[in-house]
N, C-alpha and C. Protein backbone atom coordinates (compact mmCIF):
# COMPACT_ATOMS: atom_id res chain seq x y z
N UNK A 1 75.07 -18.40 21.49
CA UNK A 1 74.12 -19.00 22.46
C UNK A 1 73.36 -20.69 22.68
N UNK A 2 73.58 -21.93 22.94
CA UNK A 2 72.81 -23.26 22.72
C UNK A 2 71.48 -22.72 23.42
N UNK A 3 70.75 -23.42 21.84
CA UNK A 3 69.33 -23.03 22.67
C UNK A 3 69.18 -24.80 23.49
N UNK A 4 69.55 -25.23 23.50
CA UNK A 4 69.42 -26.91 24.23
C UNK A 4 70.38 -26.78 25.43
N UNK A 5 70.70 -25.64 25.95
CA UNK A 5 71.13 -25.61 27.12
C UNK A 5 69.74 -24.90 28.22
N UNK A 6 69.09 -23.79 26.86
CA UNK A 6 67.85 -23.22 27.81
C UNK A 6 66.83 -23.86 28.34
N UNK A 7 66.11 -23.84 29.35
CA UNK A 7 65.17 -24.57 30.00
C UNK A 7 64.10 -23.44 30.04
N UNK A 8 63.38 -22.83 29.31
CA UNK A 8 61.81 -22.37 29.35
C UNK A 8 61.34 -22.22 30.50
N UNK A 9 61.06 -23.38 30.73
CA UNK A 9 59.71 -24.37 31.74
C UNK A 9 60.67 -24.98 32.96
N UNK A 10 60.59 -24.92 34.00
CA UNK A 10 60.65 -25.85 35.18
C UNK A 10 59.76 -26.79 35.39
N UNK A 11 60.61 -27.56 35.32
CA UNK A 11 59.48 -28.84 35.79
C UNK A 11 59.80 -29.28 36.68
N UNK A 12 58.49 -28.90 37.96
CA UNK A 12 58.25 -29.51 39.35
C UNK A 12 57.39 -30.76 39.84
N UNK A 13 58.70 -31.57 40.50
CA UNK A 13 57.36 -32.64 40.84
C UNK A 13 57.67 -32.50 42.86
N UNK A 14 56.09 -32.39 42.79
CA UNK A 14 56.07 -31.99 44.94
C UNK A 14 55.80 -33.32 45.71
N UNK A 15 56.54 -34.04 46.40
CA UNK A 15 56.96 -35.23 47.26
C UNK A 15 56.04 -34.29 48.52
N UNK A 16 54.84 -34.60 48.76
CA UNK A 16 53.59 -34.11 49.68
C UNK A 16 54.41 -34.98 51.19
N UNK A 17 54.56 -36.11 50.99
CA UNK A 17 55.59 -36.74 52.33
C UNK A 17 56.27 -36.29 52.57
N UNK A 18 57.93 -35.79 52.14
CA UNK A 18 58.05 -34.83 53.13
C UNK A 18 58.31 -33.73 52.70
N UNK A 19 57.30 -32.83 52.07
CA UNK A 19 56.93 -31.52 51.94
C UNK A 19 58.16 -31.03 51.13
N UNK A 20 58.98 -31.19 49.90
CA UNK A 20 59.33 -30.77 49.43
C UNK A 20 59.29 -30.49 47.45
N UNK A 21 59.74 -29.87 47.29
CA UNK A 21 59.41 -29.35 45.33
C UNK A 21 60.69 -30.14 44.58
N UNK A 22 60.54 -31.31 43.96
CA UNK A 22 61.83 -30.75 43.03
C UNK A 22 61.90 -30.47 41.88
N UNK A 23 63.14 -29.71 41.16
CA UNK A 23 62.89 -28.99 39.82
C UNK A 23 64.26 -30.10 39.14
N UNK A 24 62.92 -30.52 38.21
CA UNK A 24 63.57 -31.71 37.18
C UNK A 24 64.97 -31.21 36.47
N UNK A 25 64.63 -29.97 36.00
CA UNK A 25 65.73 -29.49 35.29
C UNK A 25 66.79 -28.57 35.27
N UNK A 26 67.27 -28.76 37.03
CA UNK A 26 68.35 -28.12 37.69
C UNK A 26 68.97 -29.43 38.92
N UNK A 27 68.08 -30.14 38.62
CA UNK A 27 67.80 -31.56 39.62
C UNK A 27 68.28 -30.31 41.51
N UNK A 28 67.98 -29.44 41.67
CA UNK A 28 67.28 -28.40 42.94
C UNK A 28 66.62 -28.80 43.69
N UNK A 29 66.95 -29.55 45.24
CA UNK A 29 65.14 -29.61 46.16
C UNK A 29 65.14 -28.91 47.00
N UNK A 30 63.65 -28.37 46.80
CA UNK A 30 63.33 -26.52 47.61
C UNK A 30 62.49 -27.23 48.38
N UNK A 31 62.64 -26.44 49.73
CA UNK A 31 61.58 -26.37 51.12
C UNK A 31 60.25 -26.31 51.00
N UNK A 32 58.90 -27.24 50.94
CA UNK A 32 57.89 -26.42 51.25
C UNK A 32 57.19 -27.20 52.02
N UNK A 33 57.01 -26.67 52.97
CA UNK A 33 56.53 -27.36 54.11
C UNK A 33 55.91 -25.89 54.72
N UNK A 34 55.31 -25.44 55.90
CA UNK A 34 54.61 -25.17 56.62
C UNK A 34 55.92 -23.27 56.49
N UNK A 35 55.20 -22.07 55.71
CA UNK A 35 56.15 -20.76 56.03
C UNK A 35 57.35 -20.41 56.79
N UNK A 36 56.66 -20.53 58.13
CA UNK A 36 57.82 -20.16 59.07
C UNK A 36 57.18 -18.57 59.24
N UNK A 37 57.90 -18.42 60.11
CA UNK A 37 58.36 -16.88 60.21
C UNK A 37 59.39 -15.89 59.56
N UNK A 38 59.22 -14.75 59.74
CA UNK A 38 60.47 -13.34 58.92
C UNK A 38 61.58 -13.91 60.16
N UNK A 39 62.99 -13.40 59.70
CA UNK A 39 63.87 -13.58 60.34
C UNK A 39 64.76 -12.88 59.99
N UNK A 40 65.92 -11.88 60.21
CA UNK A 40 66.90 -11.61 59.29
C UNK A 40 68.13 -12.56 59.04
N UNK A 41 69.29 -11.90 58.08
CA UNK A 41 69.43 -12.36 56.91
C UNK A 41 70.56 -13.47 57.91
N UNK A 42 70.75 -13.25 58.52
CA UNK A 42 72.17 -14.03 59.65
C UNK A 42 71.09 -15.49 60.38
N UNK A 43 69.92 -14.72 60.55
CA UNK A 43 68.97 -16.00 61.08
C UNK A 43 68.84 -17.13 60.43
N UNK A 44 68.02 -16.79 58.90
CA UNK A 44 68.14 -16.91 57.65
C UNK A 44 69.15 -18.27 57.30
N UNK A 45 70.01 -17.64 57.17
CA UNK A 45 71.67 -18.30 56.62
C UNK A 45 71.72 -19.88 57.54
N UNK A 46 71.47 -20.28 58.97
CA UNK A 46 71.50 -21.17 60.11
C UNK A 46 70.42 -21.37 60.21
N UNK A 47 69.21 -20.78 59.74
CA UNK A 47 67.67 -21.56 59.40
C UNK A 47 68.21 -22.84 58.46
N UNK A 48 68.85 -22.37 57.86
CA UNK A 48 69.35 -22.95 56.81
C UNK A 48 69.81 -23.82 56.90
N UNK A 49 70.69 -23.60 57.61
CA UNK A 49 71.97 -24.74 57.81
C UNK A 49 71.37 -25.72 58.71
N UNK A 50 70.85 -25.24 60.22
CA UNK A 50 70.21 -25.94 60.76
C UNK A 50 68.83 -27.19 60.27
N UNK A 51 68.54 -27.01 59.40
CA UNK A 51 66.44 -27.79 59.44
C UNK A 51 66.96 -29.14 58.60
N UNK A 52 66.61 -30.18 59.13
CA UNK A 52 66.39 -31.40 58.83
C UNK A 52 64.68 -31.74 58.23
N UNK A 53 65.23 -31.71 56.72
CA UNK A 53 63.08 -31.92 56.56
C UNK A 53 63.64 -33.12 55.62
N UNK A 54 62.15 -33.91 54.99
CA UNK A 54 62.50 -34.78 54.35
C UNK A 54 63.51 -35.68 54.15
N UNK A 55 63.93 -36.73 55.20
CA UNK A 55 65.01 -37.31 55.45
C UNK A 55 66.77 -36.40 55.27
N UNK A 56 66.87 -35.24 54.75
CA UNK A 56 67.71 -34.45 54.45
C UNK A 56 68.12 -33.80 55.47
N UNK A 57 69.75 -33.88 55.19
CA UNK A 57 70.26 -31.99 56.60
C UNK A 57 71.12 -31.76 56.00
N UNK A 58 71.03 -32.03 54.31
CA UNK A 58 72.19 -30.48 53.59
C UNK A 58 71.89 -29.26 52.70
N UNK A 59 70.87 -29.10 53.57
CA UNK A 59 69.50 -27.73 53.25
C UNK A 59 70.66 -26.49 53.63
N UNK A 60 70.65 -25.35 52.55
CA UNK A 60 71.20 -24.31 52.94
C UNK A 60 70.36 -23.12 52.20
N UNK A 61 70.28 -21.63 52.21
CA UNK A 61 70.11 -21.19 52.17
C UNK A 61 70.38 -20.75 50.25
N UNK A 62 69.72 -20.52 49.53
CA UNK A 62 70.39 -20.17 48.24
C UNK A 62 70.90 -19.18 47.79
N UNK A 63 71.29 -19.39 46.27
CA UNK A 63 72.25 -17.88 46.06
C UNK A 63 71.08 -17.41 45.27
N UNK A 64 71.35 -15.85 44.77
CA UNK A 64 69.69 -15.16 44.19
C UNK A 64 70.04 -16.22 42.85
N UNK A 65 70.65 -16.66 41.94
CA UNK A 65 69.82 -17.22 40.62
C UNK A 65 68.94 -18.37 41.16
N UNK A 66 69.62 -18.86 42.18
CA UNK A 66 68.43 -20.53 42.31
C UNK A 66 67.65 -19.65 42.49
N UNK A 67 67.36 -18.98 43.53
CA UNK A 67 65.63 -18.04 44.32
C UNK A 67 65.23 -17.90 42.83
N UNK A 68 65.34 -16.65 42.41
CA UNK A 68 64.80 -16.03 41.29
C UNK A 68 64.65 -17.00 40.29
N UNK A 69 65.40 -17.79 39.92
CA UNK A 69 64.86 -19.08 38.91
C UNK A 69 63.22 -19.65 39.30
N UNK A 70 62.87 -19.33 40.54
CA UNK A 70 61.20 -19.77 41.27
C UNK A 70 60.40 -18.78 40.66
N UNK A 71 60.83 -18.03 40.38
CA UNK A 71 59.98 -16.73 40.30
C UNK A 71 59.03 -16.86 38.79
N UNK A 72 57.70 -16.25 38.53
CA UNK A 72 57.12 -17.04 37.39
C UNK A 72 56.21 -15.56 37.13
N UNK A 73 56.44 -15.00 36.47
CA UNK A 73 56.42 -13.66 35.99
C UNK A 73 54.50 -13.58 35.21
N UNK A 74 54.78 -15.00 34.98
CA UNK A 74 53.57 -14.49 34.10
C UNK A 74 52.74 -14.86 35.22
N UNK A 75 52.40 -15.15 36.66
CA UNK A 75 51.42 -15.88 37.55
C UNK A 75 51.55 -14.31 38.18
N UNK A 76 50.52 -14.02 39.06
CA UNK A 76 50.98 -12.80 39.99
C UNK A 76 50.01 -13.03 41.44
N UNK A 77 50.96 -13.38 42.72
CA UNK A 77 49.80 -13.15 43.69
C UNK A 77 49.57 -14.66 44.32
N UNK A 78 50.55 -16.21 44.02
CA UNK A 78 51.61 -15.93 44.18
C UNK A 78 52.44 -16.25 42.90
N UNK A 79 53.07 -15.66 42.43
CA UNK A 79 54.39 -15.75 41.01
C UNK A 79 55.01 -16.90 41.16
N UNK A 80 54.78 -18.12 41.42
CA UNK A 80 55.53 -19.41 41.13
C UNK A 80 54.67 -20.48 41.34
N UNK A 81 55.29 -21.37 40.63
CA UNK A 81 54.38 -22.15 40.32
C UNK A 81 53.44 -22.87 41.01
N UNK A 82 52.27 -23.40 40.70
CA UNK A 82 51.14 -23.86 41.98
C UNK A 82 51.43 -25.29 42.91
N UNK A 83 52.75 -25.90 42.26
CA UNK A 83 53.26 -27.41 42.47
C UNK A 83 53.45 -26.97 43.93
N UNK A 84 54.25 -25.23 44.61
CA UNK A 84 54.47 -25.03 45.71
C UNK A 84 53.37 -24.05 46.62
N UNK A 85 53.04 -25.18 47.37
CA UNK A 85 52.02 -25.23 48.00
C UNK A 85 51.94 -24.22 49.44
N UNK A 86 53.26 -24.08 50.02
CA UNK A 86 53.67 -22.44 50.86
C UNK A 86 54.15 -21.80 50.39
N UNK A 87 53.61 -20.89 50.14
CA UNK A 87 54.11 -19.70 49.62
C UNK A 87 53.52 -18.11 50.57
N UNK A 88 53.85 -17.48 50.93
CA UNK A 88 53.75 -16.30 51.78
C UNK A 88 53.97 -14.95 50.23
N UNK A 89 52.65 -14.48 50.08
CA UNK A 89 52.79 -13.99 49.33
C UNK A 89 51.33 -12.49 49.20
N UNK A 90 51.59 -11.46 48.51
CA UNK A 90 50.19 -10.63 48.99
C UNK A 90 50.72 -9.05 49.40
N UNK A 91 51.93 -8.80 50.22
CA UNK A 91 52.53 -8.15 49.86
C UNK A 91 53.58 -8.03 50.18
N UNK A 92 54.52 -6.32 49.68
CA UNK A 92 55.50 -6.00 49.51
C UNK A 92 56.99 -6.69 50.47
N UNK A 93 55.85 -7.05 52.08
CA UNK A 93 57.25 -7.87 52.71
C UNK A 93 57.12 -8.69 52.26
N UNK A 94 56.84 -9.53 51.45
CA UNK A 94 56.66 -11.31 51.16
C UNK A 94 57.88 -12.05 50.24
N UNK A 95 59.07 -10.43 51.10
CA UNK A 95 60.19 -11.54 50.49
C UNK A 95 60.85 -12.40 50.88
N UNK A 96 61.57 -13.63 50.16
CA UNK A 96 62.05 -14.45 50.85
C UNK A 96 63.91 -13.94 50.79
N UNK A 97 64.56 -14.85 51.04
CA UNK A 97 66.49 -14.29 50.92
C UNK A 97 67.21 -15.10 50.40
N UNK A 98 67.89 -14.40 50.16
CA UNK A 98 68.78 -15.45 49.51
C UNK A 98 70.40 -14.83 49.64
N UNK A 99 70.77 -15.95 49.79
CA UNK A 99 72.60 -15.47 50.23
C UNK A 99 73.17 -14.85 49.53
N UNK A 100 73.00 -14.38 48.50
CA UNK A 100 74.03 -13.20 47.62
C UNK A 100 74.12 -12.36 48.25
N UNK A 101 74.87 -11.55 48.47
CA UNK A 101 75.21 -10.59 49.33
C UNK A 101 75.92 -9.20 48.48
N UNK A 102 75.20 -8.43 47.80
CA UNK A 102 76.35 -6.87 46.77
C UNK A 102 77.36 -6.26 46.93
N UNK A 103 78.25 -7.18 45.76
CA UNK A 103 79.73 -6.77 46.88
C UNK A 103 79.91 -4.96 46.72
N UNK A 104 78.72 -4.12 46.11
CA UNK A 104 78.95 -2.55 46.48
C UNK A 104 78.17 -2.47 47.38
N UNK A 105 77.75 -3.35 48.47
CA UNK A 105 76.46 -2.96 49.86
C UNK A 105 76.59 -4.36 50.33
N UNK A 106 77.65 -4.83 51.18
CA UNK A 106 77.57 -5.99 52.13
C UNK A 106 76.78 -6.17 53.14
N UNK A 107 76.57 -5.00 53.60
CA UNK A 107 74.94 -5.05 54.89
C UNK A 107 73.37 -4.73 54.10
N UNK A 108 73.80 -5.40 52.65
CA UNK A 108 72.47 -5.91 52.15
C UNK A 108 72.49 -6.86 51.60
N UNK A 109 71.54 -7.63 51.51
CA UNK A 109 71.90 -9.41 50.61
C UNK A 109 70.21 -9.34 49.42
N UNK A 110 70.36 -9.90 48.75
CA UNK A 110 69.52 -9.82 47.46
C UNK A 110 68.22 -10.82 48.23
N UNK A 111 67.14 -9.97 47.83
CA UNK A 111 65.63 -11.41 48.19
C UNK A 111 64.96 -11.35 46.89
N UNK A 112 63.80 -12.24 47.01
CA UNK A 112 63.00 -12.04 45.69
C UNK A 112 61.70 -12.50 46.63
N UNK A 113 60.75 -11.61 46.22
CA UNK A 113 58.94 -11.84 46.33
C UNK A 113 58.23 -12.72 45.43
N UNK A 114 57.47 -13.07 46.18
CA UNK A 114 56.71 -13.91 44.84
C UNK A 114 55.40 -13.91 44.84
N UNK A 115 54.95 -12.31 45.35
CA UNK A 115 53.49 -11.80 44.92
C UNK A 115 53.98 -11.03 43.66
N UNK A 116 54.97 -10.82 43.18
CA UNK A 116 54.55 -9.90 41.79
C UNK A 116 55.98 -10.81 40.81
N UNK A 117 57.43 -11.43 41.90
CA UNK A 117 58.51 -12.49 40.82
C UNK A 117 59.57 -11.08 41.05
N UNK A 118 59.04 -9.70 41.71
CA UNK A 118 60.47 -9.11 41.48
C UNK A 118 61.86 -8.79 42.66
N UNK A 119 62.81 -9.09 42.50
CA UNK A 119 63.70 -8.80 43.16
C UNK A 119 64.04 -6.78 44.75
N UNK A 120 65.26 -7.26 44.78
CA UNK A 120 65.84 -6.30 45.57
C UNK A 120 66.62 -6.59 46.57
N UNK A 121 67.89 -5.47 46.30
CA UNK A 121 69.03 -5.84 47.56
C UNK A 121 68.67 -5.19 48.76
N UNK A 122 68.50 -5.94 50.14
CA UNK A 122 67.38 -5.25 51.61
C UNK A 122 68.66 -5.34 52.24
N UNK A 123 68.26 -4.66 53.49
CA UNK A 123 69.20 -4.36 54.65
C UNK A 123 68.96 -5.73 55.50
N UNK A 124 70.53 -6.84 55.97
CA UNK A 124 70.43 -7.76 56.20
C UNK A 124 69.43 -7.80 57.70
N UNK A 125 69.13 -6.40 58.39
CA UNK A 125 68.46 -6.35 59.22
C UNK A 125 67.13 -6.74 59.20
N UNK A 126 67.11 -6.45 57.91
CA UNK A 126 65.14 -7.02 57.66
C UNK A 126 64.75 -8.19 57.82
N UNK A 127 62.99 -8.20 58.17
CA UNK A 127 62.78 -9.22 58.85
C UNK A 127 62.38 -10.11 57.33
N UNK A 128 63.14 -11.30 56.45
CA UNK A 128 61.79 -11.79 55.41
C UNK A 128 61.54 -13.32 55.57
N UNK A 129 61.25 -13.84 54.72
CA UNK A 129 60.83 -15.45 54.73
C UNK A 129 62.49 -16.28 54.25
N UNK A 130 62.53 -17.51 54.21
CA UNK A 130 63.18 -18.26 54.26
C UNK A 130 62.77 -18.83 52.88
N UNK A 131 63.47 -20.19 51.81
CA UNK A 131 63.03 -20.87 51.40
C UNK A 131 64.70 -22.24 50.71
N UNK A 132 64.15 -22.88 51.96
CA UNK A 132 65.60 -23.15 51.33
C UNK A 132 66.53 -24.20 50.62
N UNK A 133 67.18 -24.81 50.24
CA UNK A 133 67.30 -25.57 49.16
C UNK A 133 68.80 -26.65 49.30
N UNK A 134 68.82 -27.81 48.61
CA UNK A 134 69.77 -28.19 48.49
C UNK A 134 69.91 -28.78 47.09
N UNK A 135 71.52 -29.22 47.02
CA UNK A 135 71.85 -29.97 45.61
C UNK A 135 72.47 -29.17 45.15
N UNK A 136 73.10 -28.80 43.31
CA UNK A 136 73.58 -27.32 43.30
C UNK A 136 74.94 -27.06 43.89
N UNK A 137 75.12 -25.85 43.05
CA UNK A 137 75.98 -24.99 43.60
C UNK A 137 77.35 -26.63 42.94
């Protein structure tokens, strides 16, 4: 394992005028405008595909690894960098959808909560929040 390839702490830069956060270690740009409403997984996918934010229209629902990389377990409620100003946390329903479906149960998808930074695979019919991303993959 090459230690030079590990990033223990992501560096985030927030552009308040565009309401986005750039992860300078991964190059991913994250949505950080108003939290919005909860939605099922299929709606979350299309919401991210249809969003136009910060002058960009190539947003998508993040995969599990991307979304989970935002969790900061040294923090609680919210368990995410304070650079992110719009975060739903505080209860067990404050999950955010990822685009990743577990191979063993395609009726579910992985989600991360920024209440405590935990993850779970939940029914795609459940309603959770979205934090769209661009770049990467």
